[in-house]
Amino acid sequence: FVAADDLDAEDVELALLTTVPADDSALGTAVEVTDDRGNYARKSLILSMTIASSGSSPYDTTAKNTAEISFLEAENDYSAEVKGVAIYGKRYGADSSQILFYGPLATNKTVSAGDTFKFAADALVITLA
């Protein structure tokens, strides 16, 4: 477990996935987007965290993006449909990159040349209960 106070903006990155792990035992199956010109890159991520007294737990924790997250414009089609996201902690783990959170998108997204993949403010929500 990584305490939120230990994470700076440079420590957390958002990645787009073409294959989303089925569960925590399959984290190695996560496949990140690629493009043949190399202009896809993870985005540094700042999340706003709130603790709310709602849901099944009296202390559900929700984190969400406070501003739009915009990836670089695709110069070529992405390698496959974007099916999910992963949030990586860069300074943790043997390879200095560890998946902290992951999950599927509500709808898969095809990214073609000229498209820009974006999340509107408050659209990326992580709930821990």
N, C-alpha and C. Protein backbone atom coordinates (compact mmCIF):
# COMPACT_ATOMS: atom_id res chain seq x y z
N PHE A 1 0.84 -1.19 0.00
CA PHE A 1 0.00 0.00 0.00
C PHE A 1 0.87 1.23 0.00
N VAL A 2 0.54 2.20 -0.81
CA VAL A 2 1.29 3.45 -0.91
C VAL A 2 0.42 4.57 -0.36
N ALA A 3 0.89 5.27 0.62
CA ALA A 3 0.14 6.37 1.20
C ALA A 3 0.08 7.54 0.22
N ALA A 4 -1.08 8.19 0.16
CA ALA A 4 -1.27 9.30 -0.78
C ALA A 4 -0.26 10.41 -0.54
N ASP A 5 0.14 10.61 0.71
CA ASP A 5 1.11 11.66 1.02
C ASP A 5 2.47 11.39 0.41
N ASP A 6 2.74 10.12 0.06
CA ASP A 6 4.02 9.74 -0.51
C ASP A 6 4.09 9.92 -2.01
N LEU A 7 2.97 10.24 -2.65
CA LEU A 7 2.92 10.33 -4.10
C LEU A 7 2.91 11.78 -4.57
N ASP A 8 3.83 12.12 -5.43
CA ASP A 8 3.86 13.42 -6.07
C ASP A 8 3.36 13.25 -7.50
N ALA A 9 3.08 14.37 -8.18
CA ALA A 9 2.60 14.30 -9.57
C ALA A 9 3.58 13.55 -10.46
N GLU A 10 4.88 13.65 -10.18
CA GLU A 10 5.87 12.96 -11.01
C GLU A 10 5.87 11.46 -10.74
N ASP A 11 5.23 11.02 -9.67
CA ASP A 11 5.27 9.62 -9.27
C ASP A 11 4.13 8.79 -9.84
N VAL A 12 3.08 9.42 -10.33
CA VAL A 12 1.88 8.70 -10.76
C VAL A 12 1.59 9.02 -12.22
N GLU A 13 1.39 7.95 -13.01
CA GLU A 13 1.12 8.12 -14.43
C GLU A 13 -0.10 7.31 -14.84
N LEU A 14 -0.84 7.84 -15.81
CA LEU A 14 -2.00 7.17 -16.36
C LEU A 14 -1.61 6.55 -17.69
N ALA A 15 -1.95 5.27 -17.86
CA ALA A 15 -1.66 4.56 -19.11
C ALA A 15 -2.96 4.05 -19.71
N LEU A 16 -3.01 3.98 -21.02
CA LEU A 16 -4.15 3.40 -21.74
C LEU A 16 -3.83 1.95 -22.04
N LEU A 17 -4.81 1.07 -21.82
CA LEU A 17 -4.60 -0.36 -22.00
C LEU A 17 -5.45 -0.92 -23.13
N THR A 18 -4.86 -1.86 -23.87
CA THR A 18 -5.62 -2.61 -24.87
C THR A 18 -6.06 -3.95 -24.30
N THR A 19 -5.41 -4.39 -23.25
CA THR A 19 -5.82 -5.59 -22.50
C THR A 19 -5.82 -5.24 -21.03
N VAL A 20 -6.96 -5.47 -20.37
CA VAL A 20 -7.13 -5.15 -18.96
C VAL A 20 -7.02 -6.44 -18.15
N PRO A 21 -6.23 -6.46 -17.08
CA PRO A 21 -6.13 -7.67 -16.27
C PRO A 21 -7.50 -8.10 -15.73
N ALA A 22 -7.71 -9.41 -15.66
CA ALA A 22 -8.97 -9.95 -15.15
C ALA A 22 -9.06 -9.75 -13.64
N ASP A 23 -7.93 -9.82 -12.96
CA ASP A 23 -7.90 -9.61 -11.51
C ASP A 23 -6.46 -9.33 -11.10
N ASP A 24 -6.24 -9.14 -9.79
CA ASP A 24 -4.92 -8.76 -9.30
C ASP A 24 -3.86 -9.82 -9.56
N SER A 25 -4.26 -11.07 -9.70
CA SER A 25 -3.27 -12.13 -9.95
C SER A 25 -2.77 -12.10 -11.40
N ALA A 26 -3.41 -11.31 -12.25
CA ALA A 26 -3.06 -11.26 -13.67
C ALA A 26 -2.52 -9.90 -14.10
N LEU A 27 -1.90 -9.15 -13.19
CA LEU A 27 -1.40 -7.81 -13.53
C LEU A 27 -0.41 -7.84 -14.68
N GLY A 28 0.33 -8.93 -14.81
CA GLY A 28 1.30 -9.05 -15.89
C GLY A 28 0.67 -9.15 -17.27
N THR A 29 -0.66 -9.32 -17.34
CA THR A 29 -1.32 -9.42 -18.63
C THR A 29 -1.76 -8.05 -19.17
N ALA A 30 -1.56 -6.99 -18.39
CA ALA A 30 -1.91 -5.65 -18.86
C ALA A 30 -1.06 -5.32 -20.09
N VAL A 31 -1.71 -4.85 -21.16
CA VAL A 31 -1.00 -4.49 -22.38
C VAL A 31 -1.29 -3.02 -22.66
N GLU A 32 -0.22 -2.23 -22.72
CA GLU A 32 -0.36 -0.80 -22.94
C GLU A 32 -0.44 -0.50 -24.44
N VAL A 33 -1.13 0.57 -24.78
CA VAL A 33 -1.27 1.05 -26.15
C VAL A 33 0.10 1.31 -26.76
N THR A 34 0.22 1.08 -28.05
CA THR A 34 1.40 1.49 -28.80
C THR A 34 0.94 2.10 -30.12
N ASP A 35 1.81 2.88 -30.71
CA ASP A 35 1.59 3.32 -32.09
C ASP A 35 2.94 3.23 -32.80
N ASP A 36 2.92 3.08 -34.10
CA ASP A 36 4.18 2.82 -34.80
C ASP A 36 5.08 4.04 -34.95
N ARG A 37 4.61 5.21 -34.56
CA ARG A 37 5.48 6.41 -34.62
C ARG A 37 5.99 6.80 -33.25
N GLY A 38 5.53 6.11 -32.22
CA GLY A 38 6.05 6.35 -30.88
C GLY A 38 5.57 7.63 -30.22
N ASN A 39 4.43 8.20 -30.65
CA ASN A 39 4.00 9.45 -30.01
C ASN A 39 3.03 9.21 -28.85
N TYR A 40 2.66 7.95 -28.57
CA TYR A 40 1.86 7.67 -27.37
C TYR A 40 2.77 7.70 -26.16
N ALA A 41 2.32 8.32 -25.09
CA ALA A 41 3.08 8.35 -23.84
C ALA A 41 2.11 8.42 -22.67
N ARG A 42 2.50 7.82 -21.56
CA ARG A 42 1.71 7.95 -20.34
C ARG A 42 1.60 9.42 -19.93
N LYS A 43 0.55 9.71 -19.17
CA LYS A 43 0.33 11.09 -18.70
C LYS A 43 0.54 11.16 -17.20
N SER A 44 1.26 12.19 -16.74
CA SER A 44 1.34 12.44 -15.30
C SER A 44 -0.06 12.72 -14.79
N LEU A 45 -0.32 12.32 -13.57
CA LEU A 45 -1.70 12.35 -13.08
C LEU A 45 -1.76 12.95 -11.69
N ILE A 46 -2.68 13.87 -11.51
CA ILE A 46 -2.98 14.43 -10.20
C ILE A 46 -4.44 14.12 -9.92
N LEU A 47 -4.68 13.44 -8.81
CA LEU A 47 -6.04 13.08 -8.42
C LEU A 47 -6.42 13.82 -7.15
N SER A 48 -7.68 14.19 -7.07
CA SER A 48 -8.23 14.79 -5.87
C SER A 48 -8.93 13.68 -5.09
N MET A 49 -8.59 13.53 -3.81
CA MET A 49 -9.19 12.46 -3.02
C MET A 49 -10.17 13.04 -2.01
N THR A 50 -11.30 12.36 -1.87
CA THR A 50 -12.29 12.74 -0.86
C THR A 50 -12.72 11.49 -0.11
N ILE A 51 -13.07 11.66 1.13
CA ILE A 51 -13.62 10.57 1.93
C ILE A 51 -15.07 10.92 2.19
N ALA A 52 -15.96 10.06 1.75
CA ALA A 52 -17.39 10.33 1.86
C ALA A 52 -18.05 9.25 2.70
N SER A 53 -19.08 9.62 3.41
CA SER A 53 -19.85 8.67 4.20
C SER A 53 -21.05 8.23 3.37
N SER A 54 -20.79 7.36 2.40
CA SER A 54 -21.86 6.88 1.53
C SER A 54 -21.53 5.46 1.10
N GLY A 55 -22.46 4.80 0.47
CA GLY A 55 -22.23 3.44 0.01
C GLY A 55 -22.29 2.45 1.16
N SER A 56 -21.69 1.28 0.95
CA SER A 56 -21.77 0.22 1.95
C SER A 56 -20.80 0.43 3.10
N SER A 57 -19.83 1.29 2.93
CA SER A 57 -18.86 1.56 3.99
C SER A 57 -19.02 3.00 4.46
N PRO A 58 -18.86 3.24 5.76
CA PRO A 58 -18.97 4.63 6.22
C PRO A 58 -17.81 5.50 5.78
N TYR A 59 -16.74 4.89 5.26
CA TYR A 59 -15.57 5.67 4.85
C TYR A 59 -15.11 5.30 3.45
N ASP A 60 -16.01 5.34 2.49
CA ASP A 60 -15.62 5.12 1.10
C ASP A 60 -14.68 6.24 0.67
N THR A 61 -13.66 5.89 -0.09
CA THR A 61 -12.72 6.89 -0.59
C THR A 61 -12.83 6.95 -2.10
N THR A 62 -12.94 8.15 -2.62
CA THR A 62 -13.04 8.36 -4.05
C THR A 62 -11.94 9.30 -4.50
N ALA A 63 -11.27 8.95 -5.59
CA ALA A 63 -10.28 9.82 -6.21
C ALA A 63 -10.72 10.08 -7.64
N LYS A 64 -10.57 11.31 -8.09
CA LYS A 64 -10.92 11.63 -9.48
C LYS A 64 -10.02 12.74 -10.00
N ASN A 65 -9.96 12.83 -11.32
CA ASN A 65 -9.15 13.88 -11.94
C ASN A 65 -9.85 15.22 -11.81
N THR A 66 -9.09 16.24 -11.46
CA THR A 66 -9.67 17.57 -11.27
C THR A 66 -9.63 18.42 -12.53
N ALA A 67 -8.86 18.00 -13.50
CA ALA A 67 -8.76 18.74 -14.77
C ALA A 67 -8.81 17.73 -15.92
N GLU A 68 -9.05 18.24 -17.11
CA GLU A 68 -9.06 17.37 -18.29
C GLU A 68 -7.70 16.69 -18.43
N ILE A 69 -7.73 15.42 -18.82
CA ILE A 69 -6.52 14.67 -19.14
C ILE A 69 -6.54 14.43 -20.64
N SER A 70 -5.54 14.93 -21.33
CA SER A 70 -5.50 14.83 -22.78
C SER A 70 -4.19 14.19 -23.21
N PHE A 71 -4.27 13.06 -23.92
CA PHE A 71 -3.08 12.42 -24.46
C PHE A 71 -2.69 13.12 -25.76
N LEU A 72 -1.50 12.84 -26.25
CA LEU A 72 -1.04 13.42 -27.51
C LEU A 72 -1.93 12.98 -28.66
N GLU A 73 -2.06 13.85 -29.65
CA GLU A 73 -2.80 13.49 -30.86
C GLU A 73 -2.13 12.29 -31.52
N ALA A 74 -2.92 11.31 -31.89
CA ALA A 74 -2.38 10.10 -32.52
C ALA A 74 -1.91 10.42 -33.93
N GLU A 75 -0.65 10.11 -34.23
CA GLU A 75 -0.15 10.31 -35.58
C GLU A 75 -0.58 9.16 -36.49
N ASN A 76 -0.72 7.97 -35.91
CA ASN A 76 -1.23 6.79 -36.60
C ASN A 76 -2.27 6.14 -35.70
N ASP A 77 -2.98 5.17 -36.23
CA ASP A 77 -3.95 4.44 -35.42
C ASP A 77 -3.23 3.76 -34.25
N TYR A 78 -3.89 3.72 -33.09
CA TYR A 78 -3.35 2.96 -31.96
C TYR A 78 -3.37 1.48 -32.32
N SER A 79 -2.56 0.71 -31.62
CA SER A 79 -2.36 -0.71 -31.92
C SER A 79 -3.65 -1.53 -31.82
N ALA A 80 -4.57 -1.13 -30.97
CA ALA A 80 -5.84 -1.83 -30.78
C ALA A 80 -6.78 -0.88 -30.03
N GLU A 81 -8.04 -1.30 -29.89
CA GLU A 81 -8.99 -0.50 -29.14
C GLU A 81 -8.50 -0.28 -27.72
N VAL A 82 -8.75 0.93 -27.19
CA VAL A 82 -8.46 1.21 -25.79
C VAL A 82 -9.60 0.61 -24.98
N LYS A 83 -9.26 -0.31 -24.08
CA LYS A 83 -10.28 -1.02 -23.30
C LYS A 83 -10.25 -0.69 -21.82
N GLY A 84 -9.16 -0.05 -21.37
CA GLY A 84 -9.07 0.25 -19.95
C GLY A 84 -7.92 1.18 -19.66
N VAL A 85 -7.72 1.43 -18.38
CA VAL A 85 -6.64 2.30 -17.93
C VAL A 85 -5.91 1.63 -16.77
N ALA A 86 -4.69 2.07 -16.56
CA ALA A 86 -3.91 1.66 -15.39
C ALA A 86 -3.22 2.90 -14.86
N ILE A 87 -3.13 2.97 -13.55
CA ILE A 87 -2.39 4.04 -12.90
C ILE A 87 -1.14 3.40 -12.32
N TYR A 88 0.01 3.90 -12.76
CA TYR A 88 1.30 3.35 -12.36
C TYR A 88 1.96 4.27 -11.35
N GLY A 89 2.58 3.67 -10.35
CA GLY A 89 3.48 4.38 -9.45
C GLY A 89 4.88 4.16 -9.97
N LYS A 90 5.59 5.21 -10.34
CA LYS A 90 6.87 5.07 -11.04
C LYS A 90 8.02 4.64 -10.14
N ARG A 91 7.99 4.98 -8.88
CA ARG A 91 9.18 4.70 -8.07
C ARG A 91 9.02 3.48 -7.17
N TYR A 92 8.01 2.68 -7.42
CA TYR A 92 7.76 1.51 -6.58
C TYR A 92 7.91 0.25 -7.41
N GLY A 93 8.42 -0.81 -6.81
CA GLY A 93 8.54 -2.09 -7.50
C GLY A 93 9.93 -2.27 -8.08
N ALA A 94 10.24 -3.52 -8.38
CA ALA A 94 11.58 -3.87 -8.87
C ALA A 94 11.91 -3.18 -10.18
N ASP A 95 10.90 -3.00 -11.05
CA ASP A 95 11.18 -2.37 -12.34
C ASP A 95 10.89 -0.87 -12.31
N SER A 96 10.73 -0.32 -11.11
CA SER A 96 10.45 1.10 -10.85
C SER A 96 9.13 1.56 -11.46
N SER A 97 8.24 0.62 -11.74
CA SER A 97 6.91 0.95 -12.24
C SER A 97 5.95 -0.14 -11.78
N GLN A 98 4.92 0.25 -11.05
CA GLN A 98 4.00 -0.73 -10.49
C GLN A 98 2.57 -0.26 -10.71
N ILE A 99 1.69 -1.18 -11.12
CA ILE A 99 0.28 -0.82 -11.26
C ILE A 99 -0.32 -0.63 -9.87
N LEU A 100 -0.85 0.57 -9.64
CA LEU A 100 -1.52 0.86 -8.37
C LEU A 100 -3.02 0.60 -8.48
N PHE A 101 -3.61 0.99 -9.61
CA PHE A 101 -5.03 0.80 -9.88
C PHE A 101 -5.19 0.48 -11.36
N TYR A 102 -6.26 -0.24 -11.71
CA TYR A 102 -6.56 -0.51 -13.10
C TYR A 102 -8.04 -0.78 -13.22
N GLY A 103 -8.55 -0.66 -14.42
CA GLY A 103 -9.95 -0.97 -14.64
C GLY A 103 -10.35 -0.75 -16.08
N PRO A 104 -11.50 -1.33 -16.46
CA PRO A 104 -11.98 -1.18 -17.83
C PRO A 104 -12.66 0.17 -18.04
N LEU A 105 -12.72 0.60 -19.29
CA LEU A 105 -13.53 1.76 -19.65
C LEU A 105 -14.99 1.31 -19.75
N ALA A 106 -15.91 2.22 -19.61
CA ALA A 106 -17.33 1.91 -19.77
C ALA A 106 -17.61 1.47 -21.20
N THR A 107 -16.90 2.08 -22.16
CA THR A 107 -17.03 1.76 -23.58
C THR A 107 -15.64 1.75 -24.21
N ASN A 108 -15.32 0.69 -24.94
CA ASN A 108 -14.04 0.64 -25.64
C ASN A 108 -13.96 1.78 -26.65
N LYS A 109 -12.75 2.26 -26.92
CA LYS A 109 -12.56 3.40 -27.81
C LYS A 109 -11.50 3.09 -28.85
N THR A 110 -11.85 3.25 -30.12
CA THR A 110 -10.89 3.15 -31.21
C THR A 110 -10.26 4.52 -31.39
N VAL A 111 -8.93 4.57 -31.43
CA VAL A 111 -8.21 5.83 -31.62
C VAL A 111 -7.50 5.75 -32.96
N SER A 112 -7.90 6.62 -33.86
CA SER A 112 -7.34 6.66 -35.21
C SER A 112 -6.41 7.85 -35.36
N ALA A 113 -5.64 7.86 -36.43
CA ALA A 113 -4.75 8.98 -36.71
C ALA A 113 -5.53 10.29 -36.66
N GLY A 114 -5.00 11.27 -35.94
CA GLY A 114 -5.64 12.57 -35.81
C GLY A 114 -6.54 12.69 -34.59
N ASP A 115 -6.89 11.57 -33.94
CA ASP A 115 -7.72 11.60 -32.73
C ASP A 115 -6.88 11.96 -31.51
N THR A 116 -7.53 12.56 -30.52
CA THR A 116 -6.90 12.83 -29.23
C THR A 116 -7.76 12.18 -28.16
N PHE A 117 -7.19 11.23 -27.43
CA PHE A 117 -7.91 10.55 -26.36
C PHE A 117 -7.93 11.46 -25.14
N LYS A 118 -9.14 11.70 -24.58
CA LYS A 118 -9.29 12.62 -23.45
C LYS A 118 -10.23 12.06 -22.40
N PHE A 119 -9.97 12.48 -21.16
CA PHE A 119 -10.92 12.32 -20.07
C PHE A 119 -11.30 13.73 -19.62
N ALA A 120 -12.59 14.03 -19.58
CA ALA A 120 -13.04 15.32 -19.07
C ALA A 120 -12.76 15.38 -17.56
N ALA A 121 -12.71 16.58 -17.00
CA ALA A 121 -12.55 16.73 -15.56
C ALA A 121 -13.63 15.91 -14.85
N ASP A 122 -13.25 15.24 -13.79
CA ASP A 122 -14.13 14.40 -12.96
C ASP A 122 -14.63 13.14 -13.67
N ALA A 123 -14.10 12.80 -14.84
CA ALA A 123 -14.57 11.62 -15.58
C ALA A 123 -13.83 10.34 -15.17
N LEU A 124 -12.62 10.46 -14.68
CA LEU A 124 -11.84 9.30 -14.25
C LEU A 124 -12.03 9.19 -12.73
N VAL A 125 -12.77 8.17 -12.31
CA VAL A 125 -13.12 8.03 -10.89
C VAL A 125 -12.66 6.68 -10.37
N ILE A 126 -11.96 6.70 -9.25
CA ILE A 126 -11.51 5.49 -8.57
C ILE A 126 -12.20 5.47 -7.21
N THR A 127 -12.89 4.38 -6.91
CA THR A 127 -13.58 4.26 -5.63
C THR A 127 -13.02 3.08 -4.86
N LEU A 128 -12.58 3.34 -3.65
CA LEU A 128 -12.13 2.29 -2.74
C LEU A 128 -13.17 2.19 -1.63
N ALA A 129 -13.66 1.02 -1.41
CA ALA A 129 -14.69 0.86 -0.39
C ALA A 129 -14.29 -0.20 0.62
